Amino acid sequence: MSSARSRSGSLAVITTPQGLPVSVRIDQSALDKEPAVVADEILRLCRQSAMAAGIRLREQLIASGVERDVVDAMRLPRADDLARAEQLDDHDLDAPASWLRSG
């Protein structure tokens, strides 16, 4: 199992190593958001959780003596892949949901 949570801590998921959610925790503050926004954030957290599981598997395989070429051929994520994905997600979360003016 793997887990991830939002920066605010209002959402948290526990997933299989493949990113399938087995538990989702939603704090009351997250319920104030649009349902589509909450759903998108849950999916993002599931992807991040799967990447974290892949990174741990990569590290375990290398530590157990599996050759790096073999591990690289498995195309498991690296820590910098997760960091890059988190930066992109942060950028997307800061972008306006709509360019239309209200009012």
N, C-alpha and C. Protein backbone atom coordinates (compact mmCIF):
# COMPACT_ATOMS: atom_id res chain seq x y z
N MET A 1 0.84 -1.18 0.00
CA MET A 1 0.00 0.00 0.00
C MET A 1 0.88 1.25 0.00
N SER A 2 0.31 2.31 -0.50
CA SER A 2 1.01 3.58 -0.57
C SER A 2 0.00 4.67 -0.23
N SER A 3 0.48 5.85 0.11
CA SER A 3 -0.44 6.92 0.47
C SER A 3 0.08 8.27 -0.02
N ALA A 4 -0.85 9.21 -0.08
CA ALA A 4 -0.52 10.59 -0.43
C ALA A 4 -1.59 11.48 0.19
N ARG A 5 -1.21 12.73 0.44
CA ARG A 5 -2.21 13.68 0.96
C ARG A 5 -1.98 15.04 0.34
N SER A 6 -3.03 15.82 0.32
CA SER A 6 -2.94 17.16 -0.25
C SER A 6 -2.07 18.03 0.64
N ARG A 7 -1.57 19.12 0.07
CA ARG A 7 -0.70 20.02 0.85
C ARG A 7 -1.42 20.55 2.09
N SER A 8 -2.72 20.82 1.94
CA SER A 8 -3.49 21.33 3.08
C SER A 8 -3.83 20.24 4.08
N GLY A 9 -3.71 18.98 3.66
CA GLY A 9 -4.07 17.87 4.52
C GLY A 9 -5.55 17.56 4.52
N SER A 10 -6.33 18.28 3.72
CA SER A 10 -7.78 18.07 3.71
C SER A 10 -8.20 16.83 2.94
N LEU A 11 -7.32 16.30 2.10
CA LEU A 11 -7.59 15.07 1.36
C LEU A 11 -6.42 14.12 1.55
N ALA A 12 -6.73 12.84 1.70
CA ALA A 12 -5.68 11.83 1.80
C ALA A 12 -6.19 10.54 1.17
N VAL A 13 -5.29 9.83 0.52
CA VAL A 13 -5.65 8.55 -0.10
C VAL A 13 -4.65 7.48 0.32
N ILE A 14 -5.14 6.27 0.39
CA ILE A 14 -4.29 5.09 0.49
C ILE A 14 -4.62 4.28 -0.75
N THR A 15 -3.59 3.86 -1.46
CA THR A 15 -3.80 3.16 -2.73
C THR A 15 -2.99 1.87 -2.79
N THR A 16 -3.35 1.07 -3.79
CA THR A 16 -2.52 -0.07 -4.14
C THR A 16 -1.26 0.49 -4.79
N PRO A 17 -0.24 -0.32 -4.99
CA PRO A 17 0.96 0.18 -5.68
C PRO A 17 0.67 0.69 -7.10
N GLN A 18 -0.44 0.25 -7.68
CA GLN A 18 -0.82 0.70 -9.01
C GLN A 18 -1.63 2.00 -8.98
N GLY A 19 -1.96 2.50 -7.79
CA GLY A 19 -2.67 3.76 -7.67
C GLY A 19 -4.18 3.63 -7.52
N LEU A 20 -4.69 2.42 -7.35
CA LEU A 20 -6.12 2.24 -7.15
C LEU A 20 -6.47 2.57 -5.70
N PRO A 21 -7.41 3.48 -5.48
CA PRO A 21 -7.71 3.89 -4.11
C PRO A 21 -8.39 2.78 -3.32
N VAL A 22 -7.93 2.57 -2.10
CA VAL A 22 -8.59 1.64 -1.18
C VAL A 22 -9.17 2.40 0.01
N SER A 23 -8.72 3.64 0.20
CA SER A 23 -9.24 4.49 1.26
C SER A 23 -9.07 5.95 0.84
N VAL A 24 -10.12 6.73 1.05
CA VAL A 24 -10.07 8.16 0.76
C VAL A 24 -10.61 8.89 1.99
N ARG A 25 -9.83 9.85 2.49
CA ARG A 25 -10.28 10.67 3.62
C ARG A 25 -10.49 12.09 3.11
N ILE A 26 -11.69 12.62 3.36
CA ILE A 26 -12.04 13.97 2.92
C ILE A 26 -12.46 14.77 4.15
N ASP A 27 -11.69 15.79 4.49
CA ASP A 27 -12.05 16.67 5.60
C ASP A 27 -13.19 17.59 5.18
N GLN A 28 -13.88 18.11 6.16
CA GLN A 28 -15.02 19.00 5.90
C GLN A 28 -14.62 20.19 5.03
N SER A 29 -13.42 20.73 5.23
CA SER A 29 -13.00 21.91 4.47
C SER A 29 -12.93 21.62 2.97
N ALA A 30 -12.62 20.38 2.59
CA ALA A 30 -12.55 20.02 1.17
C ALA A 30 -13.94 19.98 0.55
N LEU A 31 -14.96 19.76 1.36
CA LEU A 31 -16.33 19.67 0.84
C LEU A 31 -16.87 21.03 0.41
N ASP A 32 -16.17 22.10 0.76
CA ASP A 32 -16.57 23.44 0.33
C ASP A 32 -16.20 23.69 -1.13
N LYS A 33 -15.34 22.86 -1.69
CA LYS A 33 -14.90 23.01 -3.08
C LYS A 33 -15.91 22.37 -4.02
N GLU A 34 -15.81 22.72 -5.29
CA GLU A 34 -16.63 22.09 -6.32
C GLU A 34 -16.31 20.59 -6.37
N PRO A 35 -17.31 19.74 -6.55
CA PRO A 35 -17.07 18.30 -6.60
C PRO A 35 -16.03 17.89 -7.65
N ALA A 36 -16.04 18.52 -8.81
CA ALA A 36 -15.07 18.18 -9.86
C ALA A 36 -13.64 18.50 -9.42
N VAL A 37 -13.47 19.57 -8.67
CA VAL A 37 -12.15 19.96 -8.17
C VAL A 37 -11.65 18.92 -7.16
N VAL A 38 -12.55 18.49 -6.27
CA VAL A 38 -12.18 17.48 -5.28
C VAL A 38 -11.83 16.16 -5.98
N ALA A 39 -12.64 15.77 -6.96
CA ALA A 39 -12.38 14.53 -7.70
C ALA A 39 -11.04 14.59 -8.41
N ASP A 40 -10.75 15.72 -9.06
CA ASP A 40 -9.46 15.88 -9.75
C ASP A 40 -8.29 15.76 -8.77
N GLU A 41 -8.46 16.35 -7.60
CA GLU A 41 -7.38 16.30 -6.61
C GLU A 41 -7.19 14.88 -6.08
N ILE A 42 -8.29 14.15 -5.89
CA ILE A 42 -8.18 12.75 -5.45
C ILE A 42 -7.45 11.93 -6.50
N LEU A 43 -7.78 12.12 -7.77
CA LEU A 43 -7.09 11.39 -8.84
C LEU A 43 -5.61 11.74 -8.89
N ARG A 44 -5.30 13.02 -8.70
CA ARG A 44 -3.90 13.46 -8.68
C ARG A 44 -3.15 12.79 -7.54
N LEU A 45 -3.78 12.72 -6.38
CA LEU A 45 -3.15 12.07 -5.23
C LEU A 45 -2.95 10.58 -5.47
N CYS A 46 -3.89 9.94 -6.15
CA CYS A 46 -3.73 8.52 -6.48
C CYS A 46 -2.54 8.31 -7.41
N ARG A 47 -2.37 9.21 -8.39
CA ARG A 47 -1.21 9.11 -9.28
C ARG A 47 0.09 9.30 -8.51
N GLN A 48 0.11 10.28 -7.62
CA GLN A 48 1.32 10.52 -6.82
C GLN A 48 1.62 9.34 -5.90
N SER A 49 0.59 8.74 -5.34
CA SER A 49 0.78 7.59 -4.48
C SER A 49 1.37 6.42 -5.26
N ALA A 50 0.89 6.20 -6.48
CA ALA A 50 1.43 5.13 -7.32
C ALA A 50 2.89 5.41 -7.67
N MET A 51 3.20 6.67 -7.97
CA MET A 51 4.60 7.01 -8.27
C MET A 51 5.49 6.75 -7.06
N ALA A 52 5.02 7.12 -5.88
CA ALA A 52 5.80 6.89 -4.66
C ALA A 52 6.04 5.40 -4.45
N ALA A 53 5.03 4.58 -4.72
CA ALA A 53 5.19 3.13 -4.59
C ALA A 53 6.22 2.61 -5.60
N GLY A 54 6.19 3.13 -6.81
CA GLY A 54 7.16 2.74 -7.82
C GLY A 54 8.57 3.13 -7.45
N ILE A 55 8.72 4.29 -6.85
CA ILE A 55 10.04 4.76 -6.40
C ILE A 55 10.57 3.83 -5.31
N ARG A 56 9.70 3.48 -4.36
CA ARG A 56 10.13 2.56 -3.29
C ARG A 56 10.53 1.20 -3.87
N LEU A 57 9.77 0.70 -4.84
CA LEU A 57 10.10 -0.58 -5.46
C LEU A 57 11.45 -0.49 -6.16
N ARG A 58 11.68 0.60 -6.88
CA ARG A 58 12.97 0.81 -7.56
C ARG A 58 14.11 0.73 -6.54
N GLU A 59 13.96 1.46 -5.43
CA GLU A 59 15.00 1.49 -4.41
C GLU A 59 15.21 0.11 -3.78
N GLN A 60 14.12 -0.62 -3.55
CA GLN A 60 14.23 -1.96 -2.96
C GLN A 60 14.95 -2.92 -3.91
N LEU A 61 14.62 -2.84 -5.20
CA LEU A 61 15.26 -3.73 -6.17
C LEU A 61 16.76 -3.46 -6.26
N ILE A 62 17.12 -2.18 -6.31
CA ILE A 62 18.54 -1.82 -6.39
C ILE A 62 19.26 -2.25 -5.11
N ALA A 63 18.63 -2.02 -3.96
CA ALA A 63 19.25 -2.41 -2.68
C ALA A 63 19.41 -3.93 -2.56
N SER A 64 18.53 -4.67 -3.22
CA SER A 64 18.63 -6.14 -3.14
C SER A 64 19.59 -6.72 -4.16
N GLY A 65 20.21 -5.85 -4.97
CA GLY A 65 21.24 -6.32 -5.88
C GLY A 65 20.83 -6.48 -7.33
N VAL A 66 19.60 -6.11 -7.66
CA VAL A 66 19.18 -6.18 -9.07
C VAL A 66 19.97 -5.12 -9.84
N GLU A 67 20.47 -5.50 -11.00
CA GLU A 67 21.28 -4.57 -11.79
C GLU A 67 20.45 -3.37 -12.23
N ARG A 68 21.11 -2.21 -12.23
CA ARG A 68 20.42 -0.97 -12.60
C ARG A 68 19.83 -1.03 -14.00
N ASP A 69 20.51 -1.69 -14.93
CA ASP A 69 19.98 -1.80 -16.29
C ASP A 69 18.64 -2.52 -16.30
N VAL A 70 18.52 -3.54 -15.48
CA VAL A 70 17.26 -4.30 -15.39
C VAL A 70 16.18 -3.41 -14.78
N VAL A 71 16.53 -2.72 -13.71
CA VAL A 71 15.57 -1.83 -13.04
C VAL A 71 15.16 -0.70 -13.99
N ASP A 72 16.12 -0.14 -14.72
CA ASP A 72 15.80 0.92 -15.68
C ASP A 72 14.86 0.42 -16.76
N ALA A 73 15.05 -0.83 -17.19
CA ALA A 73 14.18 -1.41 -18.22
C ALA A 73 12.75 -1.55 -17.73
N MET A 74 12.56 -1.60 -16.43
CA MET A 74 11.21 -1.71 -15.86
C MET A 74 10.48 -0.37 -15.91
N ARG A 75 11.22 0.70 -16.19
CA ARG A 75 10.65 2.04 -16.31
C ARG A 75 9.90 2.50 -15.05
N LEU A 76 10.45 2.13 -13.91
CA LEU A 76 9.88 2.58 -12.65
C LEU A 76 10.22 4.05 -12.45
N PRO A 77 9.33 4.80 -11.81
CA PRO A 77 9.61 6.22 -11.61
C PRO A 77 10.78 6.44 -10.67
N ARG A 78 11.38 7.62 -10.82
CA ARG A 78 12.48 8.07 -9.95
C ARG A 78 11.95 9.21 -9.09
N ALA A 79 12.68 9.53 -8.05
CA ALA A 79 12.26 10.61 -7.14
C ALA A 79 12.07 11.92 -7.89
N ASP A 80 12.94 12.21 -8.87
CA ASP A 80 12.79 13.47 -9.60
C ASP A 80 11.55 13.46 -10.48
N ASP A 81 11.08 12.29 -10.90
CA ASP A 81 9.82 12.21 -11.66
C ASP A 81 8.65 12.65 -10.78
N LEU A 82 8.65 12.20 -9.53
CA LEU A 82 7.58 12.58 -8.61
C LEU A 82 7.67 14.07 -8.29
N ALA A 83 8.86 14.58 -8.07
CA ALA A 83 9.03 16.01 -7.78
C ALA A 83 8.52 16.85 -8.95
N ARG A 84 8.84 16.43 -10.17
CA ARG A 84 8.39 17.15 -11.36
C ARG A 84 6.86 17.11 -11.46
N ALA A 85 6.27 15.96 -11.21
CA ALA A 85 4.81 15.82 -11.27
C ALA A 85 4.15 16.70 -10.21
N GLU A 86 4.73 16.75 -9.02
CA GLU A 86 4.18 17.60 -7.96
C GLU A 86 4.27 19.07 -8.34
N GLN A 87 5.37 19.48 -8.96
CA GLN A 87 5.50 20.88 -9.39
C GLN A 87 4.46 21.22 -10.45
N LEU A 88 4.26 20.33 -11.40
CA LEU A 88 3.25 20.56 -12.43
C LEU A 88 1.86 20.62 -11.82
N ASP A 89 1.58 19.73 -10.87
CA ASP A 89 0.28 19.75 -10.21
C ASP A 89 0.09 21.03 -9.42
N ASP A 90 1.14 21.49 -8.73
CA ASP A 90 1.05 22.75 -8.00
C ASP A 90 0.76 23.90 -8.94
N HIS A 91 1.42 23.91 -10.09
CA HIS A 91 1.19 24.96 -11.09
C HIS A 91 -0.25 24.91 -11.57
N ASP A 92 -0.76 23.71 -11.85
CA ASP A 92 -2.13 23.56 -12.32
C ASP A 92 -3.13 24.00 -11.26
N LEU A 93 -2.84 23.73 -9.99
CA LEU A 93 -3.75 24.13 -8.92
C LEU A 93 -3.79 25.64 -8.76
N ASP A 94 -2.67 26.32 -9.08
CA ASP A 94 -2.63 27.77 -8.97
C ASP A 94 -3.28 28.47 -10.16
N ALA A 95 -3.46 27.76 -11.27
CA ALA A 95 -4.06 28.36 -12.46
C ALA A 95 -5.55 28.59 -12.22
N PRO A 96 -6.09 29.65 -12.79
CA PRO A 96 -7.52 29.89 -12.62
C PRO A 96 -8.33 28.80 -13.30
N ALA A 97 -9.46 28.44 -12.68
CA ALA A 97 -10.33 27.42 -13.26
C ALA A 97 -11.01 27.93 -14.51
N SER A 98 -11.17 29.25 -14.61
CA SER A 98 -11.83 29.84 -15.77
C SER A 98 -11.27 31.23 -16.00
N TRP A 99 -11.18 31.60 -17.24
CA TRP A 99 -10.73 32.94 -17.58
C TRP A 99 -11.91 33.90 -17.72
N LEU A 100 -13.11 33.38 -17.59
CA LEU A 100 -14.31 34.22 -17.69
C LEU A 100 -14.49 35.01 -16.41
N ARG A 101 -14.95 36.22 -16.56
CA ARG A 101 -15.24 37.03 -15.39
C ARG A 101 -16.63 36.69 -14.88
N SER A 102 -16.78 36.73 -13.58
CA SER A 102 -18.12 36.57 -13.03
C SER A 102 -18.63 37.94 -12.64
N GLY A 103 -19.95 38.09 -12.72
CA GLY A 103 -20.56 39.33 -12.28
C GLY A 103 -20.67 40.31 -13.30
